[in-house]
């Protein structure tokens, strides 16, 4: 699954640590999500959408699209 978390984070000028705090997760979790090594749980995906003011579908997409 592809995602635009790193790009959205950069737009907000947040560090990975800042985003991690806003999501109540570790910085390593943010890194893993950004690199596509970890697909977040549905509750975490909703938190990401809320933090960025976007829909989940705007942040995550299938690899083959």
PDB file of N, CA and C in Angstrom:
ATOM      1  N   UNK A   1       0.829  -1.171   0.000  1.00  0.00           N
ATOM      2  CA  UNK A   1       0.000   0.000   0.000  1.00  0.00           C
ATOM      3  C   UNK A   1       0.882   1.246   0.000  1.00  0.00           C
ATOM      4  N   UNK A   2       0.575   2.174  -0.894  1.00  0.00           N
ATOM      5  CA  UNK A   2       1.304   3.439  -0.961  1.00  0.00           C
ATOM      6  C   UNK A   2       0.627   4.441  -0.041  1.00  0.00           C
ATOM      7  N   UNK A   3       1.417   5.417   0.432  1.00  0.00           N
ATOM      8  CA  UNK A   3       0.811   6.469   1.234  1.00  0.00           C
ATOM      9  C   UNK A   3       1.561   7.779   1.016  1.00  0.00           C
ATOM     10  N   UNK A   4       0.898   8.856   1.400  1.00  0.00           N
ATOM     11  CA  UNK A   4       1.485  10.184   1.237  1.00  0.00           C
ATOM     12  C   UNK A   4       1.787  10.825   2.594  1.00  0.00           C
ATOM     13  N   UNK A   5       2.029  10.005   3.604  1.00  0.00           N
ATOM     14  CA  UNK A   5       2.258  10.513   4.960  1.00  0.00           C
ATOM     15  C   UNK A   5       3.480  11.435   5.002  1.00  0.00           C
ATOM     16  N   UNK A   6       4.584  11.032   4.398  1.00  0.00           N
ATOM     17  CA  UNK A   6       5.796  11.862   4.432  1.00  0.00           C
ATOM     18  C   UNK A   6       5.560  13.219   3.771  1.00  0.00           C
ATOM     19  N   UNK A   7       4.859  13.225   2.651  1.00  0.00           N
ATOM     20  CA  UNK A   7       4.589  14.474   1.942  1.00  0.00           C
ATOM     21  C   UNK A   7       3.668  15.380   2.761  1.00  0.00           C
ATOM     22  N   UNK A   8       2.636  14.787   3.340  1.00  0.00           N
ATOM     23  CA  UNK A   8       1.704  15.567   4.151  1.00  0.00           C
ATOM     24  C   UNK A   8       2.395  16.116   5.395  1.00  0.00           C
ATOM     25  N   UNK A   9       3.251  15.307   5.989  1.00  0.00           N
ATOM     26  CA  UNK A   9       4.005  15.744   7.178  1.00  0.00           C
ATOM     27  C   UNK A   9       4.911  16.916   6.806  1.00  0.00           C
ATOM     28  N   UNK A  10       5.577  16.811   5.659  1.00  0.00           N
ATOM     29  CA  UNK A  10       6.477  17.877   5.207  1.00  0.00           C
ATOM     30  C   UNK A  10       5.707  19.176   4.946  1.00  0.00           C
ATOM     31  N   UNK A  11       4.499  19.067   4.374  1.00  0.00           N
ATOM     32  CA  UNK A  11       3.670  20.251   4.142  1.00  0.00           C
ATOM     33  C   UNK A  11       3.388  20.992   5.441  1.00  0.00           C
ATOM     34  N   UNK A  12       3.199  20.238   6.514  1.00  0.00           N
ATOM     35  CA  UNK A  12       2.914  20.835   7.827  1.00  0.00           C
ATOM     36  C   UNK A  12       4.194  21.279   8.540  1.00  0.00           C
ATOM     37  N   UNK A  13       5.345  20.909   7.962  1.00  0.00           N
ATOM     38  CA  UNK A  13       6.647  21.212   8.562  1.00  0.00           C
ATOM     39  C   UNK A  13       6.813  20.559   9.937  1.00  0.00           C
ATOM     40  N   UNK A  14       6.270  19.336  10.041  1.00  0.00           N
ATOM     41  CA  UNK A  14       6.387  18.563  11.275  1.00  0.00           C
ATOM     42  C   UNK A  14       7.526  17.571  11.151  1.00  0.00           C
ATOM     43  N   UNK A  15       8.224  17.342  12.223  1.00  0.00           N
ATOM     44  CA  UNK A  15       9.223  16.264  12.257  1.00  0.00           C
ATOM     45  C   UNK A  15       8.477  14.941  12.446  1.00  0.00           C
ATOM     46  N   UNK A  16       9.190  13.861  12.238  1.00  0.00           N
ATOM     47  CA  UNK A  16       8.588  12.546  12.493  1.00  0.00           C
ATOM     48  C   UNK A  16       8.210  12.428  13.963  1.00  0.00           C
ATOM     49  N   UNK A  17       9.029  12.986  14.826  1.00  0.00           N
ATOM     50  CA  UNK A  17       8.752  12.953  16.270  1.00  0.00           C
ATOM     51  C   UNK A  17       7.466  13.717  16.595  1.00  0.00           C
ATOM     52  N   UNK A  18       7.296  14.870  15.972  1.00  0.00           N
ATOM     53  CA  UNK A  18       6.081  15.678  16.188  1.00  0.00           C
ATOM     54  C   UNK A  18       4.833  14.908  15.766  1.00  0.00           C
ATOM     55  N   UNK A  19       4.886  14.299  14.587  1.00  0.00           N
ATOM     56  CA  UNK A  19       3.740  13.519  14.112  1.00  0.00           C
ATOM     57  C   UNK A  19       3.483  12.341  15.045  1.00  0.00           C
ATOM     58  N   UNK A  20       4.537  11.678  15.468  1.00  0.00           N
ATOM     59  CA  UNK A  20       4.392  10.541  16.386  1.00  0.00           C
ATOM     60  C   UNK A  20       3.674  10.962  17.663  1.00  0.00           C
ATOM     61  N   UNK A  21       4.031  12.112  18.209  1.00  0.00           N
ATOM     62  CA  UNK A  21       3.373  12.604  19.421  1.00  0.00           C
ATOM     63  C   UNK A  21       1.900  12.887  19.169  1.00  0.00           C
ATOM     64  N   UNK A  22       1.596  13.479  18.034  1.00  0.00           N
ATOM     65  CA  UNK A  22       0.198  13.783  17.701  1.00  0.00           C
ATOM     66  C   UNK A  22      -0.633  12.512  17.538  1.00  0.00           C
ATOM     67  N   UNK A  23       0.030  11.431  17.128  1.00  0.00           N
ATOM     68  CA  UNK A  23      -0.668  10.163  16.913  1.00  0.00           C
ATOM     69  C   UNK A  23      -0.581   9.225  18.118  1.00  0.00           C
ATOM     70  N   UNK A  24       0.217   9.588  19.102  1.00  0.00           N
ATOM     71  CA  UNK A  24       0.466   8.728  20.279  1.00  0.00           C
ATOM     72  C   UNK A  24       1.094   7.399  19.880  1.00  0.00           C
ATOM     73  N   UNK A  25       2.070   7.485  18.973  1.00  0.00           N
ATOM     74  CA  UNK A  25       2.829   6.297  18.556  1.00  0.00           C
ATOM     75  C   UNK A  25       4.318   6.641  18.631  1.00  0.00           C
ATOM     76  N   UNK A  26       5.164   5.659  18.386  1.00  0.00           N
ATOM     77  CA  UNK A  26       6.609   5.914  18.394  1.00  0.00           C
ATOM     78  C   UNK A  26       7.053   6.517  17.060  1.00  0.00           C
ATOM     79  N   UNK A  27       8.195   7.152  17.098  1.00  0.00           N
ATOM     80  CA  UNK A  27       8.787   7.690  15.867  1.00  0.00           C
ATOM     81  C   UNK A  27       9.065   6.553  14.887  1.00  0.00           C
ATOM     82  N   UNK A  28       9.469   5.406  15.409  1.00  0.00           N
ATOM     83  CA  UNK A  28       9.733   4.240  14.551  1.00  0.00           C
ATOM     84  C   UNK A  28       8.480   3.824  13.790  1.00  0.00           C
ATOM     85  N   UNK A  29       7.318   3.936  14.420  1.00  0.00           N
ATOM     86  CA  UNK A  29       6.065   3.603  13.739  1.00  0.00           C
ATOM     87  C   UNK A  29       5.838   4.556  12.576  1.00  0.00           C
ATOM     88  N   UNK A  30       6.064   5.838  12.799  1.00  0.00           N
ATOM     89  CA  UNK A  30       5.904   6.831  11.723  1.00  0.00           C
ATOM     90  C   UNK A  30       6.866   6.518  10.579  1.00  0.00           C
ATOM     91  N   UNK A  31       8.108   6.221  10.905  1.00  0.00           N
ATOM     92  CA  UNK A  31       9.102   5.881   9.878  1.00  0.00           C
ATOM     93  C   UNK A  31       8.642   4.675   9.072  1.00  0.00           C
ATOM     94  N   UNK A  32       8.173   3.642   9.761  1.00  0.00           N
ATOM     95  CA  UNK A  32       7.732   2.415   9.081  1.00  0.00           C
ATOM     96  C   UNK A  32       6.529   2.665   8.183  1.00  0.00           C
ATOM     97  N   UNK A  33       5.604   3.491   8.628  1.00  0.00           N
ATOM     98  CA  UNK A  33       4.439   3.828   7.796  1.00  0.00           C
ATOM     99  C   UNK A  33       4.901   4.596   6.564  1.00  0.00           C
ATOM    100  N   UNK A  34       5.746   5.602   6.760  1.00  0.00           N
ATOM    101  CA  UNK A  34       6.214   6.414   5.628  1.00  0.00           C
ATOM    102  C   UNK A  34       6.960   5.578   4.596  1.00  0.00           C
ATOM    103  N   UNK A  35       7.727   4.607   5.045  1.00  0.00           N
ATOM    104  CA  UNK A  35       8.498   3.771   4.123  1.00  0.00           C
ATOM    105  C   UNK A  35       7.673   2.624   3.538  1.00  0.00           C
ATOM    106  N   UNK A  36       6.419   2.495   3.961  1.00  0.00           N
ATOM    107  CA  UNK A  36       5.553   1.450   3.436  1.00  0.00           C
ATOM    108  C   UNK A  36       5.842   0.073   4.003  1.00  0.00           C
ATOM    109  N   UNK A  37       6.579   0.025   5.103  1.00  0.00           N
ATOM    110  CA  UNK A  37       6.896  -1.266   5.731  1.00  0.00           C
ATOM    111  C   UNK A  37       5.820  -1.704   6.712  1.00  0.00           C
ATOM    112  N   UNK A  38       4.926  -0.774   7.052  1.00  0.00           N
ATOM    113  CA  UNK A  38       3.888  -1.060   8.033  1.00  0.00           C
ATOM    114  C   UNK A  38       2.605  -0.382   7.602  1.00  0.00           C
ATOM    115  N   UNK A  39       1.536  -1.168   7.486  1.00  0.00           N
ATOM    116  CA  UNK A  39       0.218  -0.612   7.201  1.00  0.00           C
ATOM    117  C   UNK A  39      -0.479  -0.394   8.541  1.00  0.00           C
ATOM    118  N   UNK A  40      -0.882   0.831   8.828  1.00  0.00           N
ATOM    119  CA  UNK A  40      -1.475   1.116  10.131  1.00  0.00           C
ATOM    120  C   UNK A  40      -2.824   0.433  10.322  1.00  0.00           C
ATOM    121  N   UNK A  41      -3.184   0.247  11.574  1.00  0.00           N
ATOM    122  CA  UNK A  41      -4.501  -0.279  11.904  1.00  0.00           C
ATOM    123  C   UNK A  41      -5.550   0.742  11.458  1.00  0.00           C
ATOM    124  N   UNK A  42      -6.768   0.319  11.379  1.00  0.00           N
ATOM    125  CA  UNK A  42      -7.833   1.228  10.970  1.00  0.00           C
ATOM    126  C   UNK A  42      -7.970   2.412  11.939  1.00  0.00           C
ATOM    127  N   UNK A  43      -7.939   2.183  13.261  1.00  0.00           N
ATOM    128  CA  UNK A  43      -8.002   3.342  14.162  1.00  0.00           C
ATOM    129  C   UNK A  43      -6.847   4.327  13.946  1.00  0.00           C
ATOM    130  N   UNK A  44      -5.638   3.818  13.683  1.00  0.00           N
ATOM    131  CA  UNK A  44      -4.499   4.698  13.438  1.00  0.00           C
ATOM    132  C   UNK A  44      -4.655   5.413  12.102  1.00  0.00           C
ATOM    133  N   UNK A  45      -5.193   4.742  11.105  1.00  0.00           N
ATOM    134  CA  UNK A  45      -5.441   5.387   9.809  1.00  0.00           C
ATOM    135  C   UNK A  45      -6.436   6.535   9.973  1.00  0.00           C
ATOM    136  N   UNK A  46      -7.467   6.335  10.798  1.00  0.00           N
ATOM    137  CA  UNK A  46      -8.424   7.406  11.063  1.00  0.00           C
ATOM    138  C   UNK A  46      -7.756   8.569  11.796  1.00  0.00           C
ATOM    139  N   UNK A  47      -6.846   8.257  12.730  1.00  0.00           N
ATOM    140  CA  UNK A  47      -6.111   9.320  13.437  1.00  0.00           C
ATOM    141  C   UNK A  47      -5.276  10.128  12.449  1.00  0.00           C
ATOM    142  N   UNK A  48      -4.593   9.422  11.541  1.00  0.00           N
ATOM    143  CA  UNK A  48      -3.794  10.111  10.522  1.00  0.00           C
ATOM    144  C   UNK A  48      -4.672  11.032   9.690  1.00  0.00           C
ATOM    145  N   UNK A  49      -5.812  10.534   9.269  1.00  0.00           N
ATOM    146  CA  UNK A  49      -6.722  11.342   8.462  1.00  0.00           C
ATOM    147  C   UNK A  49      -7.164  12.577   9.234  1.00  0.00           C
ATOM    148  N   UNK A  50      -7.498  12.403  10.500  1.00  0.00           N
ATOM    149  CA  UNK A  50      -7.941  13.519  11.338  1.00  0.00           C
ATOM    150  C   UNK A  50      -6.825  14.555  11.513  1.00  0.00           C
ATOM    151  N   UNK A  51      -5.615  14.082  11.812  1.00  0.00           N
ATOM    152  CA  UNK A  51      -4.470  14.977  12.037  1.00  0.00           C
ATOM    153  C   UNK A  51      -4.170  15.812  10.789  1.00  0.00           C
ATOM    154  N   UNK A  52      -4.289  15.204   9.617  1.00  0.00           N
ATOM    155  CA  UNK A  52      -3.985  15.914   8.373  1.00  0.00           C
ATOM    156  C   UNK A  52      -5.209  16.595   7.752  1.00  0.00           C
ATOM    157  N   UNK A  53      -6.395  16.352   8.314  1.00  0.00           N
ATOM    158  CA  UNK A  53      -7.603  16.948   7.756  1.00  0.00           C
ATOM    159  C   UNK A  53      -7.940  16.408   6.382  1.00  0.00           C
ATOM    160  N   UNK A  54      -7.660  15.128   6.194  1.00  0.00           N
ATOM    161  CA  UNK A  54      -7.905  14.465   4.899  1.00  0.00           C
ATOM    162  C   UNK A  54      -8.744  13.210   5.109  1.00  0.00           C
ATOM    163  N   UNK A  55      -9.193  12.627   4.007  1.00  0.00           N
ATOM    164  CA  UNK A  55      -9.868  11.331   4.064  1.00  0.00           C
ATOM    165  C   UNK A  55      -8.796  10.243   3.996  1.00  0.00           C
ATOM    166  N   UNK A  56      -9.099   9.083   4.552  1.00  0.00           N
ATOM    167  CA  UNK A  56      -8.159   7.965   4.512  1.00  0.00           C
ATOM    168  C   UNK A  56      -7.761   7.668   3.066  1.00  0.00           C
ATOM    169  N   UNK A  57      -8.737   7.714   2.161  1.00  0.00           N
ATOM    170  CA  UNK A  57      -8.475   7.411   0.743  1.00  0.00           C
ATOM    171  C   UNK A  57      -7.524   8.417   0.103  1.00  0.00           C
ATOM    172  N   UNK A  58      -7.444   9.617   0.689  1.00  0.00           N
ATOM    173  CA  UNK A  58      -6.526  10.634   0.164  1.00  0.00           C
ATOM    174  C   UNK A  58      -5.091  10.387   0.625  1.00  0.00           C
ATOM    175  N   UNK A  59      -4.930   9.599   1.668  1.00  0.00           N
ATOM    176  CA  UNK A  59      -3.607   9.336   2.238  1.00  0.00           C
ATOM    177  C   UNK A  59      -3.052   7.994   1.767  1.00  0.00           C
ATOM    178  N   UNK A  60      -3.926   6.998   1.658  1.00  0.00           N
ATOM    179  CA  UNK A  60      -3.502   5.641   1.307  1.00  0.00           C
ATOM    180  C   UNK A  60      -4.112   5.199  -0.013  1.00  0.00           C
ATOM    181  N   UNK A  61      -3.327   4.473  -0.797  1.00  0.00           N
ATOM    182  CA  UNK A  61      -3.825   3.909  -2.057  1.00  0.00           C
ATOM    183  C   UNK A  61      -3.138   2.574  -2.311  1.00  0.00           C
ATOM    184  N   UNK A  62      -3.765   1.777  -3.158  1.00  0.00           N
ATOM    185  CA  UNK A  62      -3.168   0.495  -3.513  1.00  0.00           C
ATOM    186  C   UNK A  62      -1.940   0.713  -4.369  1.00  0.00           C
ATOM    187  N   UNK A  63      -0.953  -0.172  -4.227  1.00  0.00           N
ATOM    188  CA  UNK A  63       0.323  -0.061  -4.977  1.00  0.00           C
ATOM    189  C   UNK A  63       0.112  -0.009  -6.484  1.00  0.00           C
ATOM    190  N   UNK A  64      -0.832  -0.808  -6.989  1.00  0.00           N
ATOM    191  CA  UNK A  64      -0.972  -0.951  -8.441  1.00  0.00           C
ATOM    192  C   UNK A  64      -1.827   0.139  -9.072  1.00  0.00           C
ATOM    193  N   UNK A  65      -2.171   1.184  -8.340  1.00  0.00           N
ATOM    194  CA  UNK A  65      -2.972   2.268  -8.932  1.00  0.00           C
ATOM    195  C   UNK A  65      -2.101   3.402  -9.353  1.00  0.00           C
TER     196      UNK A  65
END
